[in-house]
Amino acid sequence: RMKAEVVLRDEEEAGPRMVLNLGHTLGHALERETGYGYYRHGEAVGAGMVWAARLSAAMGLLAGGEGERIEGLIRRAGFPAVPDSVTVEGLLEAMGRDKKRRGGENLFVLIRGIGRVEIRRDVPRPLLRKTLEDFLQDTR
């Protein structure tokens, strides 16, 4: 019901509806890099939400322990290990092709606290790369 209300308020996905994309930036990249059959969509998005929580924490948006709490909850629901064939470079390339990019930039839905998100463009490339490297190492 809540999702339907958000979609109705923003049918063109120009504003508030974008918050529903939490986890989708990496989720879509994982689906692409694994041939669209390894993950169910929800599993890929769940993995993307874990990474978004980590990125949010690395950017100082989450209070101590919130990122770990989010990750723990999502990991309990489960998602498959990321195959060794998936690389940081492949994920970055796939993210660069994301249909939700605006003005040639990725928009990242990051977590500002439990139940609060924000859309950011200002993720430093080195931090993006580092959090992806760590995520891949921890999810294999």
C-alpha atoms as a PDB file:
ATOM      1  CA  ARG A   1       0.000   0.000   0.000  1.00  0.00           C
ATOM      2  CA  MET A   2       2.775   2.442   0.931  1.00  0.00           C
ATOM      3  CA  LYS A   3       4.701   1.772  -2.286  1.00  0.00           C
ATOM      4  CA  ALA A   4       1.529   2.278  -4.352  1.00  0.00           C
ATOM      5  CA  GLU A   5       0.963   5.650  -2.695  1.00  0.00           C
ATOM      6  CA  VAL A   6       4.514   6.768  -3.473  1.00  0.00           C
ATOM      7  CA  VAL A   7       4.210   5.602  -7.094  1.00  0.00           C
ATOM      8  CA  LEU A   8       0.892   7.410  -7.553  1.00  0.00           C
ATOM      9  CA  ARG A   9       2.408  10.649  -6.239  1.00  0.00           C
ATOM     10  CA  ASP A  10       5.365  10.389  -8.632  1.00  0.00           C
ATOM     11  CA  GLU A  11       4.445   8.348 -11.693  1.00  0.00           C
ATOM     12  CA  GLU A  12       7.378   9.689 -13.740  1.00  0.00           C
ATOM     13  CA  GLU A  13       9.950   8.856 -11.036  1.00  0.00           C
ATOM     14  CA  ALA A  14      11.152  12.443 -10.933  1.00  0.00           C
ATOM     15  CA  GLY A  15      11.240  12.945  -7.189  1.00  0.00           C
ATOM     16  CA  PRO A  16       9.868  11.133  -4.142  1.00  0.00           C
ATOM     17  CA  ARG A  17       9.542   7.786  -5.913  1.00  0.00           C
ATOM     18  CA  MET A  18      13.318   7.569  -6.283  1.00  0.00           C
ATOM     19  CA  VAL A  19      13.591   6.525  -2.630  1.00  0.00           C
ATOM     20  CA  LEU A  20      12.122   3.169  -3.669  1.00  0.00           C
ATOM     21  CA  ASN A  21      15.385   2.524  -5.525  1.00  0.00           C
ATOM     22  CA  LEU A  22      17.318   1.759  -2.324  1.00  0.00           C
ATOM     23  CA  GLY A  23      19.585  -1.164  -3.199  1.00  0.00           C
ATOM     24  CA  HIS A  24      18.754  -1.084  -6.894  1.00  0.00           C
ATOM     25  CA  THR A  25      21.930   0.617  -8.168  1.00  0.00           C
ATOM     26  CA  LEU A  26      24.125  -2.279  -7.105  1.00  0.00           C
ATOM     27  CA  GLY A  27      21.296  -4.816  -7.407  1.00  0.00           C
ATOM     28  CA  HIS A  28      20.859  -4.135 -11.116  1.00  0.00           C
ATOM     29  CA  ALA A  29      24.636  -4.202 -11.623  1.00  0.00           C
ATOM     30  CA  LEU A  30      24.849  -7.600  -9.897  1.00  0.00           C
ATOM     31  CA  GLU A  31      22.024  -8.946 -12.048  1.00  0.00           C
ATOM     32  CA  ARG A  32      23.752  -7.747 -15.192  1.00  0.00           C
ATOM     33  CA  GLU A  33      27.157  -9.089 -14.187  1.00  0.00           C
ATOM     34  CA  THR A  34      25.742 -12.520 -13.343  1.00  0.00           C
ATOM     35  CA  GLY A  35      23.655 -12.917 -16.487  1.00  0.00           C
ATOM     36  CA  TYR A  36      20.184 -12.194 -15.089  1.00  0.00           C
ATOM     37  CA  GLY A  37      19.667 -15.667 -13.718  1.00  0.00           C
ATOM     38  CA  TYR A  38      21.876 -16.113 -10.703  1.00  0.00           C
ATOM     39  CA  TYR A  39      19.917 -13.795  -8.408  1.00  0.00           C
ATOM     40  CA  ARG A  40      16.223 -13.290  -7.977  1.00  0.00           C
ATOM     41  CA  HIS A  41      15.550  -9.570  -8.251  1.00  0.00           C
ATOM     42  CA  GLY A  42      14.833  -9.233  -4.527  1.00  0.00           C
ATOM     43  CA  GLU A  43      18.059 -11.036  -3.638  1.00  0.00           C
ATOM     44  CA  ALA A  44      20.107  -8.689  -5.805  1.00  0.00           C
ATOM     45  CA  VAL A  45      18.357  -5.654  -4.322  1.00  0.00           C
ATOM     46  CA  GLY A  46      18.931  -7.041  -0.817  1.00  0.00           C
ATOM     47  CA  ALA A  47      22.642  -7.356  -1.560  1.00  0.00           C
ATOM     48  CA  GLY A  48      22.516  -3.802  -2.921  1.00  0.00           C
ATOM     49  CA  MET A  49      20.891  -2.615   0.301  1.00  0.00           C
ATOM     50  CA  VAL A  50      23.715  -4.158   2.322  1.00  0.00           C
ATOM     51  CA  TRP A  51      26.220  -2.278   0.186  1.00  0.00           C
ATOM     52  CA  ALA A  52      24.144   0.939   0.429  1.00  0.00           C
ATOM     53  CA  ALA A  53      24.220   0.641   4.224  1.00  0.00           C
ATOM     54  CA  ARG A  54      27.984   0.213   4.129  1.00  0.00           C
ATOM     55  CA  LEU A  55      28.420   3.160   1.762  1.00  0.00           C
ATOM     56  CA  SER A  56      26.112   5.277   3.911  1.00  0.00           C
ATOM     57  CA  ALA A  57      28.159   4.449   7.010  1.00  0.00           C
ATOM     58  CA  ALA A  58      31.410   5.211   5.171  1.00  0.00           C
ATOM     59  CA  MET A  59      29.986   8.622   4.235  1.00  0.00           C
ATOM     60  CA  GLY A  60      29.086   9.322   7.862  1.00  0.00           C
ATOM     61  CA  LEU A  61      25.329   9.210   7.331  1.00  0.00           C
ATOM     62  CA  LEU A  62      24.566   6.416   9.806  1.00  0.00           C
ATOM     63  CA  ALA A  63      25.000   6.520  13.563  1.00  0.00           C
ATOM     64  CA  GLY A  64      27.169   3.845  15.162  1.00  0.00           C
ATOM     65  CA  GLY A  65      25.710   0.390  14.818  1.00  0.00           C
ATOM     66  CA  GLU A  66      22.866   1.273  12.452  1.00  0.00           C
ATOM     67  CA  GLY A  67      24.682   0.012   9.367  1.00  0.00           C
ATOM     68  CA  GLU A  68      25.495  -3.282  11.063  1.00  0.00           C
ATOM     69  CA  ARG A  69      21.872  -3.617  12.210  1.00  0.00           C
ATOM     70  CA  ILE A  70      20.577  -3.084   8.669  1.00  0.00           C
ATOM     71  CA  GLU A  71      23.116  -5.503   7.228  1.00  0.00           C
ATOM     72  CA  GLY A  72      22.322  -8.144   9.842  1.00  0.00           C
ATOM     73  CA  LEU A  73      18.608  -7.996   9.115  1.00  0.00           C
ATOM     74  CA  ILE A  74      19.091  -8.279   5.360  1.00  0.00           C
ATOM     75  CA  ARG A  75      21.649 -11.060   5.645  1.00  0.00           C
ATOM     76  CA  ARG A  76      19.190 -13.065   7.776  1.00  0.00           C
ATOM     77  CA  ALA A  77      16.731 -12.895   4.872  1.00  0.00           C
ATOM     78  CA  GLY A  78      19.579 -14.175   2.698  1.00  0.00           C
ATOM     79  CA  PHE A  79      21.082 -13.685  -0.714  1.00  0.00           C
ATOM     80  CA  PRO A  80      23.506 -15.886  -2.668  1.00  0.00           C
ATOM     81  CA  ALA A  81      27.239 -15.378  -2.408  1.00  0.00           C
ATOM     82  CA  VAL A  82      28.643 -13.104  -5.078  1.00  0.00           C
ATOM     83  CA  PRO A  83      30.457 -15.211  -7.702  1.00  0.00           C
ATOM     84  CA  ASP A  84      34.196 -14.727  -8.178  1.00  0.00           C
ATOM     85  CA  SER A  85      33.515 -13.655 -11.768  1.00  0.00           C
ATOM     86  CA  VAL A  86      31.991 -10.367 -10.517  1.00  0.00           C
ATOM     87  CA  THR A  87      34.594  -7.603 -10.340  1.00  0.00           C
ATOM     88  CA  VAL A  88      34.638  -4.027  -9.120  1.00  0.00           C
ATOM     89  CA  GLU A  89      35.336  -2.870 -12.672  1.00  0.00           C
ATOM     90  CA  GLY A  90      32.382  -4.848 -14.012  1.00  0.00           C
ATOM     91  CA  LEU A  91      30.079  -3.427 -11.359  1.00  0.00           C
ATOM     92  CA  LEU A  92      31.262   0.133 -12.018  1.00  0.00           C
ATOM     93  CA  GLU A  93      30.679  -0.325 -15.744  1.00  0.00           C
ATOM     94  CA  ALA A  94      27.211  -1.757 -15.134  1.00  0.00           C
ATOM     95  CA  MET A  95      26.384   1.119 -12.779  1.00  0.00           C
ATOM     96  CA  GLY A  96      27.504   3.496 -15.510  1.00  0.00           C
ATOM     97  CA  ARG A  97      24.787   2.052 -17.749  1.00  0.00           C
ATOM     98  CA  ASP A  98      22.037   2.308 -15.124  1.00  0.00           C
ATOM     99  CA  LYS A  99      18.825   3.698 -16.597  1.00  0.00           C
ATOM    100  CA  LYS A 100      18.233   5.841 -13.530  1.00  0.00           C
ATOM    101  CA  ARG A 101      21.312   8.006 -14.084  1.00  0.00           C
ATOM    102  CA  ARG A 102      20.690  11.723 -14.334  1.00  0.00           C
ATOM    103  CA  GLY A 103      22.942  14.129 -16.190  1.00  0.00           C
ATOM    104  CA  GLY A 104      25.561  11.419 -16.723  1.00  0.00           C
ATOM    105  CA  GLU A 105      25.802  10.717 -12.985  1.00  0.00           C
ATOM    106  CA  ASN A 106      24.622   7.896 -10.809  1.00  0.00           C
ATOM    107  CA  LEU A 107      22.116   8.789  -8.161  1.00  0.00           C
ATOM    108  CA  PHE A 108      22.677   6.815  -4.990  1.00  0.00           C
ATOM    109  CA  VAL A 109      19.884   6.195  -2.521  1.00  0.00           C
ATOM    110  CA  LEU A 110      21.720   6.283   0.783  1.00  0.00           C
ATOM    111  CA  ILE A 111      20.483   5.694   4.295  1.00  0.00           C
ATOM    112  CA  ARG A 112      20.396   8.680   6.646  1.00  0.00           C
ATOM    113  CA  GLY A 113      19.112   6.575   9.557  1.00  0.00           C
ATOM    114  CA  ILE A 114      16.678   3.748  10.117  1.00  0.00           C
ATOM    115  CA  GLY A 115      13.622   4.626   8.022  1.00  0.00           C
ATOM    116  CA  ARG A 116      15.225   7.671   6.343  1.00  0.00           C
ATOM    117  CA  VAL A 117      17.000   7.871   2.988  1.00  0.00           C
ATOM    118  CA  GLU A 118      18.368  10.567   0.739  1.00  0.00           C
ATOM    119  CA  ILE A 119      19.437  10.801  -2.876  1.00  0.00           C
ATOM    120  CA  ARG A 120      23.104  11.671  -3.370  1.00  0.00           C
ATOM    121  CA  ARG A 121      25.315  12.345  -6.381  1.00  0.00           C
ATOM    122  CA  ASP A 122      28.443  13.272  -4.449  1.00  0.00           C
ATOM    123  CA  VAL A 123      29.888   9.856  -3.685  1.00  0.00           C
ATOM    124  CA  PRO A 124      33.667  10.112  -4.118  1.00  0.00           C
ATOM    125  CA  ARG A 125      34.926   7.592  -6.668  1.00  0.00           C
ATOM    126  CA  PRO A 126      37.656   6.203  -4.358  1.00  0.00           C
ATOM    127  CA  LEU A 127      35.061   5.567  -1.632  1.00  0.00           C
ATOM    128  CA  LEU A 128      32.726   3.962  -4.139  1.00  0.00           C
ATOM    129  CA  ARG A 129      35.517   1.645  -5.284  1.00  0.00           C
ATOM    130  CA  LYS A 130      36.661   0.817  -1.731  1.00  0.00           C
ATOM    131  CA  THR A 131      33.183  -0.061  -0.477  1.00  0.00           C
ATOM    132  CA  LEU A 132      32.608  -2.252  -3.540  1.00  0.00           C
ATOM    133  CA  GLU A 133      35.941  -4.041  -2.972  1.00  0.00           C
ATOM    134  CA  ASP A 134      35.083  -4.662   0.677  1.00  0.00           C
ATOM    135  CA  PHE A 135      31.558  -5.782  -0.194  1.00  0.00           C
ATOM    136  CA  LEU A 136      32.816  -8.303  -2.750  1.00  0.00           C
ATOM    137  CA  GLN A 137      35.435  -9.647  -0.353  1.00  0.00           C
ATOM    138  CA  ASP A 138      32.845 -10.121   2.414  1.00  0.00           C
ATOM    139  CA  THR A 139      30.098 -11.678   0.271  1.00  0.00           C
ATOM    140  CA  ARG A 140      31.969 -14.376  -1.606  1.00  0.00           C
END
